[in-house]
């Protein structure tokens, strides 16, 4: 029986390890696994992501130890299905370990960019725009007003696009509520810019940054498109 419980403890430890490696760090938006094993470039806009192995391997070890423990009286396949259903919930709970960082942060530091993206829209190379999206959560107990800018990868700046796309409006995010920001930034004034110019640049998987700022402070947040 002691051996069974030792195997169960190992299974739990491996799951906790995989969960910690999957946590996205505050204001970096990269998991520990992504930082330990960065993506490998294999071609234009193509990457191999080996960091998932840092999560899959402990998960597999946990599965093996759980079977060895014989605590769950079920078929191996059934145990695997139970783990697949349970693990995402466990990962979500473990990811809450980072929330105290936001709660104890002051000012703009209490904001988390939970999701973001940007993309280009061209119509006959005449009407051109950048579509911008950001989902921002406020962990403080106060309303926070801010402005936001997207800092494009250096490769795109080589096309003489602005280094920072500053959205014109000021936003307010209330406590514990996510603010979804969706804006279109017109770049039609860049007459010589063509869609082919952008499509030839290997930029899609490059990190970009989001700058959140007001009159008193600013916060630069790294964003990954993995």
Protein backbone atom coordinates (compact mmCIF):
# COMPACT_ATOMS: atom_id res chain seq x y z
CA UNK A 1 0.00 0.00 0.00
CA UNK A 2 2.86 2.39 0.82
CA UNK A 3 4.30 1.75 -2.65
CA UNK A 4 0.93 2.58 -4.21
CA UNK A 5 0.72 5.90 -2.39
CA UNK A 6 4.31 6.75 -3.30
CA UNK A 7 3.40 6.26 -6.95
CA UNK A 8 0.30 8.42 -6.46
CA UNK A 9 2.44 11.18 -4.90
CA UNK A 10 4.84 11.01 -7.85
CA UNK A 11 1.90 11.27 -10.26
CA UNK A 12 0.68 14.41 -8.49
CA UNK A 13 4.19 15.93 -8.43
CA UNK A 14 4.61 15.38 -12.19
CA UNK A 15 1.22 17.00 -12.90
CA UNK A 16 2.11 19.99 -10.72
CA UNK A 17 5.46 20.28 -12.52
CA UNK A 18 3.78 20.23 -15.95
CA UNK A 19 1.26 22.83 -14.77
CA UNK A 20 3.96 25.18 -13.48
CA UNK A 21 5.89 24.91 -16.75
CA UNK A 22 2.70 25.84 -18.62
CA UNK A 23 2.07 29.02 -16.59
CA UNK A 24 2.42 32.24 -18.57
CA UNK A 25 4.53 34.68 -16.58
CA UNK A 26 3.09 38.08 -15.62
CA UNK A 27 3.60 40.84 -18.20
CA UNK A 28 5.66 38.50 -20.41
CA UNK A 29 2.88 36.34 -21.86
CA UNK A 30 5.24 33.42 -22.32
CA UNK A 31 5.16 30.18 -20.38
CA UNK A 32 8.19 28.95 -18.47
CA UNK A 33 8.44 26.12 -21.03
CA UNK A 34 8.54 28.66 -23.90
CA UNK A 35 11.37 30.54 -22.20
CA UNK A 36 13.38 27.38 -21.50
CA UNK A 37 12.98 26.06 -25.06
CA UNK A 38 12.32 28.85 -27.59
CA UNK A 39 10.72 27.93 -30.94
CA UNK A 40 13.06 26.79 -33.71
CA UNK A 41 12.78 28.53 -37.09
CA UNK A 42 12.63 26.09 -40.03
CA UNK A 43 11.50 28.47 -42.79
CA UNK A 44 9.54 31.59 -43.61
CA UNK A 45 6.70 31.84 -41.10
CA UNK A 46 7.35 28.27 -39.94
CA UNK A 47 8.43 27.20 -36.47
CA UNK A 48 8.87 23.98 -34.51
CA UNK A 49 7.74 24.19 -30.89
CA UNK A 50 9.58 21.67 -28.75
CA UNK A 51 8.66 23.36 -25.48
CA UNK A 52 5.47 21.28 -25.41
CA UNK A 53 7.66 18.28 -24.59
CA UNK A 54 8.41 19.86 -21.20
CA UNK A 55 4.69 19.56 -20.47
CA UNK A 56 3.90 16.29 -22.28
CA UNK A 57 6.74 14.28 -20.68
CA UNK A 58 5.76 14.99 -17.03
CA UNK A 59 2.13 14.35 -18.03
CA UNK A 60 3.12 10.93 -19.41
CA UNK A 61 5.18 10.11 -16.31
CA UNK A 62 2.19 11.07 -14.18
CA UNK A 63 0.00 8.74 -16.22
CA UNK A 64 2.44 5.86 -15.76
CA UNK A 65 2.76 6.45 -12.01
CA UNK A 66 -1.02 6.68 -11.61
CA UNK A 67 -1.45 3.29 -13.31
CA UNK A 68 1.34 1.84 -11.17
CA UNK A 69 -0.33 3.09 -7.98
CA UNK A 70 -3.43 1.00 -8.73
CA UNK A 71 -5.46 3.60 -6.80
CA UNK A 72 -7.95 4.02 -9.63
CA UNK A 73 -9.53 0.68 -10.48
CA UNK A 74 -10.08 1.23 -14.17
CA UNK A 75 -8.73 0.37 -17.60
CA UNK A 76 -5.58 2.23 -18.75
CA UNK A 77 -7.55 3.84 -21.56
CA UNK A 78 -10.21 5.10 -19.14
CA UNK A 79 -7.51 6.51 -16.83
CA UNK A 80 -5.99 8.31 -19.81
CA UNK A 81 -9.38 9.83 -20.74
CA UNK A 82 -9.97 10.94 -17.14
CA UNK A 83 -6.57 12.65 -17.06
CA UNK A 84 -7.13 14.37 -20.40
CA UNK A 85 -10.44 15.76 -19.09
CA UNK A 86 -9.06 16.68 -15.68
CA UNK A 87 -5.66 18.16 -16.56
CA UNK A 88 -6.89 21.37 -18.31
CA UNK A 89 -8.94 22.23 -15.20
CA UNK A 90 -5.92 21.56 -12.99
CA UNK A 91 -3.68 23.67 -15.25
CA UNK A 92 -6.19 26.52 -15.01
CA UNK A 93 -6.20 26.33 -11.20
CA UNK A 94 -2.39 26.25 -11.01
CA UNK A 95 -2.16 29.26 -13.34
CA UNK A 96 -3.93 31.25 -10.62
CA UNK A 97 -0.63 31.18 -8.69
CA UNK A 98 0.37 34.30 -10.62
CA UNK A 99 -2.72 36.30 -9.64
CA UNK A 100 -1.26 37.58 -6.32
CA UNK A 101 1.38 39.38 -8.39
CA UNK A 102 -1.35 41.44 -10.07
CA UNK A 103 -3.37 41.97 -6.90
CA UNK A 104 -0.40 43.41 -5.03
CA UNK A 105 0.86 45.47 -8.00
CA UNK A 106 0.08 49.16 -8.11
CA UNK A 107 -1.18 51.36 -10.93
CA UNK A 108 -0.91 49.90 -14.41
CA UNK A 109 0.92 46.86 -13.02
CA UNK A 110 -2.47 45.51 -11.92
CA UNK A 111 -3.48 45.06 -15.56
CA UNK A 112 -3.04 41.78 -17.42
CA UNK A 113 -3.24 41.38 -21.19
CA UNK A 114 -5.01 38.02 -21.34
CA UNK A 115 -5.07 37.93 -25.14
CA UNK A 116 -4.06 40.10 -28.08
CA UNK A 117 -3.44 40.02 -31.81
CA UNK A 118 -3.03 42.18 -34.89
CA UNK A 119 -3.36 41.69 -38.62
CA UNK A 120 -3.27 43.63 -41.87
CA UNK A 121 -6.20 44.30 -44.17
CA UNK A 122 -5.68 45.44 -47.78
CA UNK A 123 -8.29 46.33 -50.41
CA UNK A 124 -6.73 46.76 -53.86
CA UNK A 125 -3.62 48.17 -52.16
CA UNK A 126 -5.55 51.43 -51.72
CA UNK A 127 -7.53 51.00 -48.52
CA UNK A 128 -5.10 49.63 -45.96
CA UNK A 129 -5.45 49.10 -42.24
CA UNK A 130 -4.15 47.23 -39.23
CA UNK A 131 -6.75 45.38 -37.17
CA UNK A 132 -5.81 45.39 -33.48
CA UNK A 133 -7.21 43.39 -30.60
CA UNK A 134 -6.44 43.26 -26.89
CA UNK A 135 -8.25 41.71 -23.93
CA UNK A 136 -7.26 43.38 -20.66
CA UNK A 137 -8.17 42.42 -17.09
CA UNK A 138 -8.01 44.72 -14.08
CA UNK A 139 -7.02 42.99 -10.81
CA UNK A 140 -7.16 46.13 -8.68
CA UNK A 141 -10.17 47.46 -6.78
CA UNK A 142 -10.20 50.73 -8.71
CA UNK A 143 -11.08 51.83 -12.22
CA UNK A 144 -7.98 52.33 -14.33
CA UNK A 145 -7.78 54.70 -17.28
CA UNK A 146 -5.12 54.18 -19.90
CA UNK A 147 -4.13 54.47 -23.53
CA UNK A 148 -2.63 51.63 -25.52
CA UNK A 149 -0.09 51.21 -28.32
CA UNK A 150 1.07 48.20 -30.31
CA UNK A 151 4.83 48.09 -30.91
CA UNK A 152 5.39 46.15 -34.14
CA UNK A 153 8.30 43.75 -34.76
CA UNK A 154 11.44 45.38 -36.15
CA UNK A 155 11.03 43.54 -39.46
CA UNK A 156 7.79 45.41 -40.15
CA UNK A 157 9.38 48.70 -39.20
CA UNK A 158 11.74 48.18 -42.14
CA UNK A 159 8.73 48.99 -44.38
CA UNK A 160 8.60 52.45 -42.81
CA UNK A 161 5.50 51.54 -40.85
CA UNK A 162 5.24 53.38 -37.54
CA UNK A 163 7.18 51.77 -34.71
CA UNK A 164 4.23 52.29 -32.42
CA UNK A 165 0.60 52.17 -33.44
CA UNK A 166 -1.01 54.38 -30.80
CA UNK A 167 -4.76 54.00 -30.57
CA UNK A 168 -6.41 57.41 -30.30
CA UNK A 169 -8.94 56.66 -27.57
CA UNK A 170 -8.56 56.43 -23.82
CA UNK A 171 -9.98 53.30 -22.23
CA UNK A 172 -11.33 52.51 -18.78
CA UNK A 173 -11.31 49.04 -17.27
CA UNK A 174 -13.25 48.33 -14.08
CA UNK A 175 -12.18 45.84 -11.38
CA UNK A 176 -12.44 42.13 -12.17
CA UNK A 177 -13.91 42.74 -15.63
CA UNK A 178 -12.13 42.13 -18.92
CA UNK A 179 -11.99 45.01 -21.38
CA UNK A 180 -12.04 43.88 -25.00
CA UNK A 181 -10.42 46.42 -27.30
CA UNK A 182 -10.95 46.10 -31.05
CA UNK A 183 -9.74 48.91 -33.27
CA UNK A 184 -8.81 49.50 -36.90
CA UNK A 185 -5.82 51.74 -37.57
CA UNK A 186 -5.79 53.26 -41.06
CA UNK A 187 -2.48 53.10 -42.96
CA UNK A 188 -3.83 54.15 -46.38
CA UNK A 189 -1.47 57.14 -46.34
CA UNK A 190 1.42 54.75 -46.92
CA UNK A 191 0.96 54.91 -50.69
CA UNK A 192 3.94 52.76 -51.62
CA UNK A 193 3.06 49.95 -49.20
CA UNK A 194 1.75 46.81 -50.90
CA UNK A 195 0.39 43.61 -49.42
CA UNK A 196 3.16 41.70 -51.21
CA UNK A 197 5.73 43.76 -49.31
CA UNK A 198 4.33 42.54 -46.01
CA UNK A 199 3.76 38.95 -47.11
CA UNK A 200 7.43 38.61 -48.09
CA UNK A 201 8.61 39.48 -44.59
CA UNK A 202 9.02 36.65 -42.11
CA UNK A 203 7.39 38.42 -39.19
CA UNK A 204 4.28 36.49 -38.19
CA UNK A 205 5.77 34.51 -35.31
CA UNK A 206 7.97 37.35 -34.08
CA UNK A 207 7.18 38.76 -30.66
CA UNK A 208 5.62 42.18 -30.46
CA UNK A 209 4.88 44.45 -27.53
CA UNK A 210 1.92 46.26 -26.09
CA UNK A 211 2.46 49.55 -24.30
CA UNK A 212 -0.15 50.60 -21.78
CA UNK A 213 0.35 54.14 -20.53
CA UNK A 214 -1.17 57.23 -18.96
CA UNK A 215 0.14 60.60 -17.82
CA UNK A 216 2.01 59.09 -14.87
CA UNK A 217 3.43 55.74 -15.94
CA UNK A 218 3.79 53.19 -18.70
CA UNK A 219 3.92 49.42 -18.89
CA UNK A 220 5.54 47.40 -21.71
CA UNK A 221 4.15 43.88 -22.09
CA UNK A 222 5.74 41.24 -24.33
CA UNK A 223 3.36 39.33 -26.58
CA UNK A 224 4.02 36.00 -28.27
CA UNK A 225 2.06 34.58 -31.21
CA UNK A 226 2.81 30.95 -30.39
